[in-house]
Amino acid sequence: MQLTTILLIPSDNFNWVGLRATLADWPEVRVVADVQRREPAVRVAAHEQPDLILTQDVSSTATAGQAKGGPGCRIM
């Protein structure tokens, strides 16, 4: 089983709490961080190189675009 690493850049939407809890229950997924601000998101992505960056906030999409995840990292 391959582990998928995820960086969350959440919004104020309540559903992010549920998403975080659901992901914690999946053994094949590891949330490397859950960050609200641009600078930490970019630093965490550079260090952790996640497979996936999840964001809902349009302004966070630009931040996620600056964050360099691992090879083949997807931003959603």
PDB file of N, CA and C in Angstrom:
ATOM      1  N   MET A   1       0.847  -1.179   0.000  1.00  0.00           N
ATOM      2  CA  MET A   1       0.000   0.000   0.000  1.00  0.00           C
ATOM      3  C   MET A   1       0.892   1.241   0.000  1.00  0.00           C
ATOM      4  N   GLN A   2       0.653   2.118  -0.960  1.00  0.00           N
ATOM      5  CA  GLN A   2       1.421   3.353  -1.062  1.00  0.00           C
ATOM      6  C   GLN A   2       0.733   4.455  -0.262  1.00  0.00           C
ATOM      7  N   LEU A   3       1.512   5.171   0.524  1.00  0.00           N
ATOM      8  CA  LEU A   3       0.998   6.261   1.341  1.00  0.00           C
ATOM      9  C   LEU A   3       0.885   7.528   0.500  1.00  0.00           C
ATOM     10  N   THR A   4      -0.258   8.194   0.561  1.00  0.00           N
ATOM     11  CA  THR A   4      -0.468   9.469  -0.118  1.00  0.00           C
ATOM     12  C   THR A   4      -0.387  10.577   0.917  1.00  0.00           C
ATOM     13  N   THR A   5       0.463  11.555   0.660  1.00  0.00           N
ATOM     14  CA  THR A   5       0.609  12.679   1.589  1.00  0.00           C
ATOM     15  C   THR A   5      -0.183  13.871   1.081  1.00  0.00           C
ATOM     16  N   ILE A   6      -0.839  14.555   2.019  1.00  0.00           N
ATOM     17  CA  ILE A   6      -1.729  15.658   1.665  1.00  0.00           C
ATOM     18  C   ILE A   6      -1.424  16.881   2.521  1.00  0.00           C
ATOM     19  N   LEU A   7      -1.390  18.036   1.886  1.00  0.00           N
ATOM     20  CA  LEU A   7      -1.304  19.331   2.570  1.00  0.00           C
ATOM     21  C   LEU A   7      -2.668  19.990   2.427  1.00  0.00           C
ATOM     22  N   LEU A   8      -3.275  20.353   3.549  1.00  0.00           N
ATOM     23  CA  LEU A   8      -4.560  21.043   3.534  1.00  0.00           C
ATOM     24  C   LEU A   8      -4.346  22.534   3.739  1.00  0.00           C
ATOM     25  N   ILE A   9      -4.948  23.331   2.865  1.00  0.00           N
ATOM     26  CA  ILE A   9      -5.004  24.781   3.048  1.00  0.00           C
ATOM     27  C   ILE A   9      -6.491  25.081   3.178  1.00  0.00           C
ATOM     28  N   PRO A  10      -7.013  25.005   4.406  1.00  0.00           N
ATOM     29  CA  PRO A  10      -8.459  25.059   4.607  1.00  0.00           C
ATOM     30  C   PRO A  10      -9.054  26.449   4.465  1.00  0.00           C
ATOM     31  N   SER A  11     -10.354  26.439   4.311  1.00  0.00           N
ATOM     32  CA  SER A  11     -11.121  27.674   4.336  1.00  0.00           C
ATOM     33  C   SER A  11     -11.846  27.712   5.674  1.00  0.00           C
ATOM     34  N   ASP A  12     -12.681  28.711   5.853  1.00  0.00           N
ATOM     35  CA  ASP A  12     -13.471  28.800   7.079  1.00  0.00           C
ATOM     36  C   ASP A  12     -14.704  27.901   7.025  1.00  0.00           C
ATOM     37  N   ASN A  13     -14.883  27.212   5.926  1.00  0.00           N
ATOM     38  CA  ASN A  13     -16.020  26.331   5.747  1.00  0.00           C
ATOM     39  C   ASN A  13     -15.966  25.192   6.759  1.00  0.00           C
ATOM     40  N   PHE A  14     -17.037  24.942   7.431  1.00  0.00           N
ATOM     41  CA  PHE A  14     -17.114  23.914   8.460  1.00  0.00           C
ATOM     42  C   PHE A  14     -16.760  22.523   7.927  1.00  0.00           C
ATOM     43  N   ASN A  15     -16.998  22.273   6.666  1.00  0.00           N
ATOM     44  CA  ASN A  15     -16.753  20.946   6.091  1.00  0.00           C
ATOM     45  C   ASN A  15     -15.292  20.517   6.156  1.00  0.00           C
ATOM     46  N   TRP A  16     -14.385  21.460   6.290  1.00  0.00           N
ATOM     47  CA  TRP A  16     -12.967  21.102   6.378  1.00  0.00           C
ATOM     48  C   TRP A  16     -12.677  20.287   7.625  1.00  0.00           C
ATOM     49  N   VAL A  17     -13.397  20.542   8.704  1.00  0.00           N
ATOM     50  CA  VAL A  17     -13.215  19.765   9.937  1.00  0.00           C
ATOM     51  C   VAL A  17     -13.573  18.301   9.670  1.00  0.00           C
ATOM     52  N   GLY A  18     -14.672  18.090   8.991  1.00  0.00           N
ATOM     53  CA  GLY A  18     -15.092  16.737   8.651  1.00  0.00           C
ATOM     54  C   GLY A  18     -14.128  16.063   7.691  1.00  0.00           C
ATOM     55  N   LEU A  19     -13.631  16.818   6.722  1.00  0.00           N
ATOM     56  CA  LEU A  19     -12.667  16.268   5.774  1.00  0.00           C
ATOM     57  C   LEU A  19     -11.405  15.825   6.502  1.00  0.00           C
ATOM     58  N   ARG A  20     -10.913  16.670   7.387  1.00  0.00           N
ATOM     59  CA  ARG A  20      -9.697  16.348   8.158  1.00  0.00           C
ATOM     60  C   ARG A  20      -9.917  15.080   8.984  1.00  0.00           C
ATOM     61  N   ALA A  21     -11.072  14.961   9.621  1.00  0.00           N
ATOM     62  CA  ALA A  21     -11.387  13.777  10.429  1.00  0.00           C
ATOM     63  C   ALA A  21     -11.484  12.526   9.556  1.00  0.00           C
ATOM     64  N   THR A  22     -12.091  12.654   8.404  1.00  0.00           N
ATOM     65  CA  THR A  22     -12.215  11.509   7.487  1.00  0.00           C
ATOM     66  C   THR A  22     -10.854  11.054   7.002  1.00  0.00           C
ATOM     67  N   LEU A  23     -10.021  11.991   6.606  1.00  0.00           N
ATOM     68  CA  LEU A  23      -8.684  11.638   6.126  1.00  0.00           C
ATOM     69  C   LEU A  23      -7.858  10.959   7.213  1.00  0.00           C
ATOM     70  N   ALA A  24      -8.054  11.356   8.469  1.00  0.00           N
ATOM     71  CA  ALA A  24      -7.316  10.753   9.584  1.00  0.00           C
ATOM     72  C   ALA A  24      -7.668   9.270   9.747  1.00  0.00           C
ATOM     73  N   ASP A  25      -8.847   8.872   9.283  1.00  0.00           N
ATOM     74  CA  ASP A  25      -9.279   7.479   9.391  1.00  0.00           C
ATOM     75  C   ASP A  25      -8.757   6.587   8.268  1.00  0.00           C
ATOM     76  N   TRP A  26      -8.186   7.174   7.251  1.00  0.00           N
ATOM     77  CA  TRP A  26      -7.699   6.392   6.111  1.00  0.00           C
ATOM     78  C   TRP A  26      -6.232   6.040   6.325  1.00  0.00           C
ATOM     79  N   PRO A  27      -5.894   4.760   6.430  1.00  0.00           N
ATOM     80  CA  PRO A  27      -4.510   4.373   6.691  1.00  0.00           C
ATOM     81  C   PRO A  27      -3.558   4.670   5.534  1.00  0.00           C
ATOM     82  N   GLU A  28      -4.096   4.816   4.335  1.00  0.00           N
ATOM     83  CA  GLU A  28      -3.232   5.062   3.183  1.00  0.00           C
ATOM     84  C   GLU A  28      -2.982   6.556   2.938  1.00  0.00           C
ATOM     85  N   VAL A  29      -3.485   7.400   3.851  1.00  0.00           N
ATOM     86  CA  VAL A  29      -3.355   8.850   3.712  1.00  0.00           C
ATOM     87  C   VAL A  29      -2.697   9.429   4.964  1.00  0.00           C
ATOM     88  N   ARG A  30      -1.792  10.379   4.746  1.00  0.00           N
ATOM     89  CA  ARG A  30      -1.205  11.117   5.868  1.00  0.00           C
ATOM     90  C   ARG A  30      -1.311  12.605   5.554  1.00  0.00           C
ATOM     91  N   VAL A  31      -2.006  13.337   6.405  1.00  0.00           N
ATOM     92  CA  VAL A  31      -2.080  14.786   6.265  1.00  0.00           C
ATOM     93  C   VAL A  31      -0.802  15.348   6.882  1.00  0.00           C
ATOM     94  N   VAL A  32       0.044  15.966   6.044  1.00  0.00           N
ATOM     95  CA  VAL A  32       1.329  16.465   6.537  1.00  0.00           C
ATOM     96  C   VAL A  32       1.176  17.779   7.274  1.00  0.00           C
ATOM     97  N   ALA A  33       0.128  18.552   6.936  1.00  0.00           N
ATOM     98  CA  ALA A  33      -0.115  19.812   7.629  1.00  0.00           C
ATOM     99  C   ALA A  33      -1.485  20.343   7.249  1.00  0.00           C
ATOM    100  N   ASP A  34      -1.960  21.214   8.096  1.00  0.00           N
ATOM    101  CA  ASP A  34      -3.234  21.885   7.920  1.00  0.00           C
ATOM    102  C   ASP A  34      -2.939  23.348   8.246  1.00  0.00           C
ATOM    103  N   VAL A  35      -2.646  24.137   7.225  1.00  0.00           N
ATOM    104  CA  VAL A  35      -2.173  25.506   7.448  1.00  0.00           C
ATOM    105  C   VAL A  35      -3.127  26.529   6.856  1.00  0.00           C
ATOM    106  N   GLN A  36      -3.239  27.672   7.501  1.00  0.00           N
ATOM    107  CA  GLN A  36      -4.170  28.715   7.082  1.00  0.00           C
ATOM    108  C   GLN A  36      -3.502  29.833   6.283  1.00  0.00           C
ATOM    109  N   ARG A  37      -2.216  30.025   6.483  1.00  0.00           N
ATOM    110  CA  ARG A  37      -1.551  31.190   5.885  1.00  0.00           C
ATOM    111  C   ARG A  37      -0.546  30.789   4.811  1.00  0.00           C
ATOM    112  N   ARG A  38      -0.269  31.744   3.935  1.00  0.00           N
ATOM    113  CA  ARG A  38       0.560  31.523   2.766  1.00  0.00           C
ATOM    114  C   ARG A  38       1.978  31.066   3.093  1.00  0.00           C
ATOM    115  N   GLU A  39       2.657  31.787   3.959  1.00  0.00           N
ATOM    116  CA  GLU A  39       4.063  31.486   4.220  1.00  0.00           C
ATOM    117  C   GLU A  39       4.261  30.072   4.766  1.00  0.00           C
ATOM    118  N   PRO A  40       3.462  29.684   5.784  1.00  0.00           N
ATOM    119  CA  PRO A  40       3.633  28.309   6.274  1.00  0.00           C
ATOM    120  C   PRO A  40       3.299  27.253   5.211  1.00  0.00           C
ATOM    121  N   ALA A  41       2.318  27.530   4.383  1.00  0.00           N
ATOM    122  CA  ALA A  41       1.930  26.559   3.347  1.00  0.00           C
ATOM    123  C   ALA A  41       3.080  26.321   2.377  1.00  0.00           C
ATOM    124  N   VAL A  42       3.726  27.378   1.963  1.00  0.00           N
ATOM    125  CA  VAL A  42       4.846  27.257   1.024  1.00  0.00           C
ATOM    126  C   VAL A  42       6.007  26.515   1.690  1.00  0.00           C
ATOM    127  N   ARG A  43       6.304  26.848   2.945  1.00  0.00           N
ATOM    128  CA  ARG A  43       7.402  26.182   3.662  1.00  0.00           C
ATOM    129  C   ARG A  43       7.117  24.697   3.867  1.00  0.00           C
ATOM    130  N   VAL A  44       5.897  24.386   4.297  1.00  0.00           N
ATOM    131  CA  VAL A  44       5.543  22.985   4.537  1.00  0.00           C
ATOM    132  C   VAL A  44       5.607  22.190   3.241  1.00  0.00           C
ATOM    133  N   ALA A  45       5.079  22.749   2.171  1.00  0.00           N
ATOM    134  CA  ALA A  45       5.100  22.049   0.881  1.00  0.00           C
ATOM    135  C   ALA A  45       6.521  21.792   0.414  1.00  0.00           C
ATOM    136  N   ALA A  46       7.407  22.764   0.596  1.00  0.00           N
ATOM    137  CA  ALA A  46       8.800  22.577   0.188  1.00  0.00           C
ATOM    138  C   ALA A  46       9.469  21.483   1.011  1.00  0.00           C
ATOM    139  N   HIS A  47       9.164  21.440   2.279  1.00  0.00           N
ATOM    140  CA  HIS A  47       9.796  20.458   3.165  1.00  0.00           C
ATOM    141  C   HIS A  47       9.182  19.064   3.023  1.00  0.00           C
ATOM    142  N   GLU A  48       7.870  18.984   3.027  1.00  0.00           N
ATOM    143  CA  GLU A  48       7.170  17.693   3.021  1.00  0.00           C
ATOM    144  C   GLU A  48       6.959  17.108   1.631  1.00  0.00           C
ATOM    145  N   GLN A  49       6.934  17.954   0.605  1.00  0.00           N
ATOM    146  CA  GLN A  49       6.675  17.559  -0.779  1.00  0.00           C
ATOM    147  C   GLN A  49       5.459  16.619  -0.882  1.00  0.00           C
ATOM    148  N   PRO A  50       4.276  17.142  -0.533  1.00  0.00           N
ATOM    149  CA  PRO A  50       3.073  16.296  -0.545  1.00  0.00           C
ATOM    150  C   PRO A  50       2.688  15.865  -1.951  1.00  0.00           C
ATOM    151  N   ASP A  51       1.936  14.778  -2.003  1.00  0.00           N
ATOM    152  CA  ASP A  51       1.412  14.284  -3.278  1.00  0.00           C
ATOM    153  C   ASP A  51       0.229  15.115  -3.750  1.00  0.00           C
ATOM    154  N   LEU A  52      -0.479  15.715  -2.787  1.00  0.00           N
ATOM    155  CA  LEU A  52      -1.709  16.433  -3.089  1.00  0.00           C
ATOM    156  C   LEU A  52      -1.825  17.651  -2.179  1.00  0.00           C
ATOM    157  N   ILE A  53      -2.226  18.778  -2.748  1.00  0.00           N
ATOM    158  CA  ILE A  53      -2.519  19.981  -1.976  1.00  0.00           C
ATOM    159  C   ILE A  53      -3.992  20.282  -2.191  1.00  0.00           C
ATOM    160  N   LEU A  54      -4.766  20.277  -1.095  1.00  0.00           N
ATOM    161  CA  LEU A  54      -6.195  20.550  -1.172  1.00  0.00           C
ATOM    162  C   LEU A  54      -6.497  21.932  -0.621  1.00  0.00           C
ATOM    163  N   THR A  55      -7.246  22.718  -1.395  1.00  0.00           N
ATOM    164  CA  THR A  55      -7.658  24.044  -0.964  1.00  0.00           C
ATOM    165  C   THR A  55      -9.022  24.348  -1.556  1.00  0.00           C
ATOM    166  N   GLN A  56      -9.786  25.152  -0.863  1.00  0.00           N
ATOM    167  CA  GLN A  56     -11.091  25.559  -1.372  1.00  0.00           C
ATOM    168  C   GLN A  56     -11.093  27.038  -1.715  1.00  0.00           C
ATOM    169  N   ASP A  57     -10.330  27.794  -1.013  1.00  0.00           N
ATOM    170  CA  ASP A  57     -10.287  29.244  -1.154  1.00  0.00           C
ATOM    171  C   ASP A  57      -9.523  29.628  -2.420  1.00  0.00           C
ATOM    172  N   VAL A  58     -10.125  30.446  -3.265  1.00  0.00           N
ATOM    173  CA  VAL A  58      -9.495  30.862  -4.521  1.00  0.00           C
ATOM    174  C   VAL A  58      -8.165  31.555  -4.258  1.00  0.00           C
ATOM    175  N   SER A  59      -8.083  32.386  -3.228  1.00  0.00           N
ATOM    176  CA  SER A  59      -6.823  33.065  -2.925  1.00  0.00           C
ATOM    177  C   SER A  59      -5.763  32.067  -2.486  1.00  0.00           C
ATOM    178  N   SER A  60      -6.189  30.958  -1.883  1.00  0.00           N
ATOM    179  CA  SER A  60      -5.237  29.931  -1.472  1.00  0.00           C
ATOM    180  C   SER A  60      -4.714  29.142  -2.662  1.00  0.00           C
ATOM    181  N   THR A  61      -5.445  29.133  -3.761  1.00  0.00           N
ATOM    182  CA  THR A  61      -4.984  28.423  -4.945  1.00  0.00           C
ATOM    183  C   THR A  61      -3.693  29.031  -5.446  1.00  0.00           C
ATOM    184  N   ALA A  62      -3.582  30.349  -5.408  1.00  0.00           N
ATOM    185  CA  ALA A  62      -2.335  31.004  -5.800  1.00  0.00           C
ATOM    186  C   ALA A  62      -1.210  30.605  -4.861  1.00  0.00           C
ATOM    187  N   THR A  63      -1.504  30.536  -3.583  1.00  0.00           N
ATOM    188  CA  THR A  63      -0.522  30.091  -2.598  1.00  0.00           C
ATOM    189  C   THR A  63      -0.107  28.662  -2.893  1.00  0.00           C
ATOM    190  N   ALA A  64      -1.076  27.807  -3.144  1.00  0.00           N
ATOM    191  CA  ALA A  64      -0.771  26.415  -3.442  1.00  0.00           C
ATOM    192  C   ALA A  64       0.079  26.309  -4.701  1.00  0.00           C
ATOM    193  N   GLY A  65      -0.169  27.182  -5.660  1.00  0.00           N
ATOM    194  CA  GLY A  65       0.625  27.190  -6.881  1.00  0.00           C
ATOM    195  C   GLY A  65       2.076  27.542  -6.630  1.00  0.00           C
ATOM    196  N   GLN A  66       2.338  28.349  -5.616  1.00  0.00           N
ATOM    197  CA  GLN A  66       3.705  28.698  -5.256  1.00  0.00           C
ATOM    198  C   GLN A  66       4.369  27.590  -4.453  1.00  0.00           C
ATOM    199  N   ALA A  67       3.575  26.779  -3.817  1.00  0.00           N
ATOM    200  CA  ALA A  67       4.092  25.689  -3.006  1.00  0.00           C
ATOM    201  C   ALA A  67       4.524  24.566  -3.933  1.00  0.00           C
ATOM    202  N   LYS A  68       5.705  24.123  -3.777  1.00  0.00           N
ATOM    203  CA  LYS A  68       6.225  23.047  -4.622  1.00  0.00           C
ATOM    204  C   LYS A  68       6.082  21.730  -3.889  1.00  0.00           C
ATOM    205  N   GLY A  69       5.132  20.937  -4.322  1.00  0.00           N
ATOM    206  CA  GLY A  69       4.943  19.631  -3.739  1.00  0.00           C
ATOM    207  C   GLY A  69       5.926  18.654  -4.330  1.00  0.00           C
ATOM    208  N   GLY A  70       5.697  17.396  -4.078  1.00  0.00           N
ATOM    209  CA  GLY A  70       6.561  16.360  -4.615  1.00  0.00           C
ATOM    210  C   GLY A  70       6.355  16.199  -6.117  1.00  0.00           C
ATOM    211  N   PRO A  71       7.166  15.362  -6.747  1.00  0.00           N
ATOM    212  CA  PRO A  71       7.006  15.111  -8.179  1.00  0.00           C
ATOM    213  C   PRO A  71       5.590  14.646  -8.485  1.00  0.00           C
ATOM    214  N   GLY A  72       4.962  15.272  -9.429  1.00  0.00           N
ATOM    215  CA  GLY A  72       3.595  14.914  -9.799  1.00  0.00           C
ATOM    216  C   GLY A  72       2.540  15.411  -8.835  1.00  0.00           C
ATOM    217  N   CYS A  73       2.894  16.349  -7.979  1.00  0.00           N
ATOM    218  CA  CYS A  73       1.945  16.886  -6.995  1.00  0.00           C
ATOM    219  C   CYS A  73       0.749  17.511  -7.714  1.00  0.00           C
ATOM    220  N   ARG A  74      -0.430  17.222  -7.196  1.00  0.00           N
ATOM    221  CA  ARG A  74      -1.660  17.801  -7.739  1.00  0.00           C
ATOM    222  C   ARG A  74      -2.205  18.829  -6.774  1.00  0.00           C
ATOM    223  N   ILE A  75      -2.759  19.886  -7.325  1.00  0.00           N
ATOM    224  CA  ILE A  75      -3.392  20.928  -6.522  1.00  0.00           C
ATOM    225  C   ILE A  75      -4.872  20.923  -6.862  1.00  0.00           C
ATOM    226  N   MET A  76      -5.702  20.746  -5.858  1.00  0.00           N
ATOM    227  CA  MET A  76      -7.144  20.688  -6.087  1.00  0.00           C
ATOM    228  C   MET A  76      -7.819  21.635  -5.127  1.00  0.00           C
TER     229      MET A  76
END
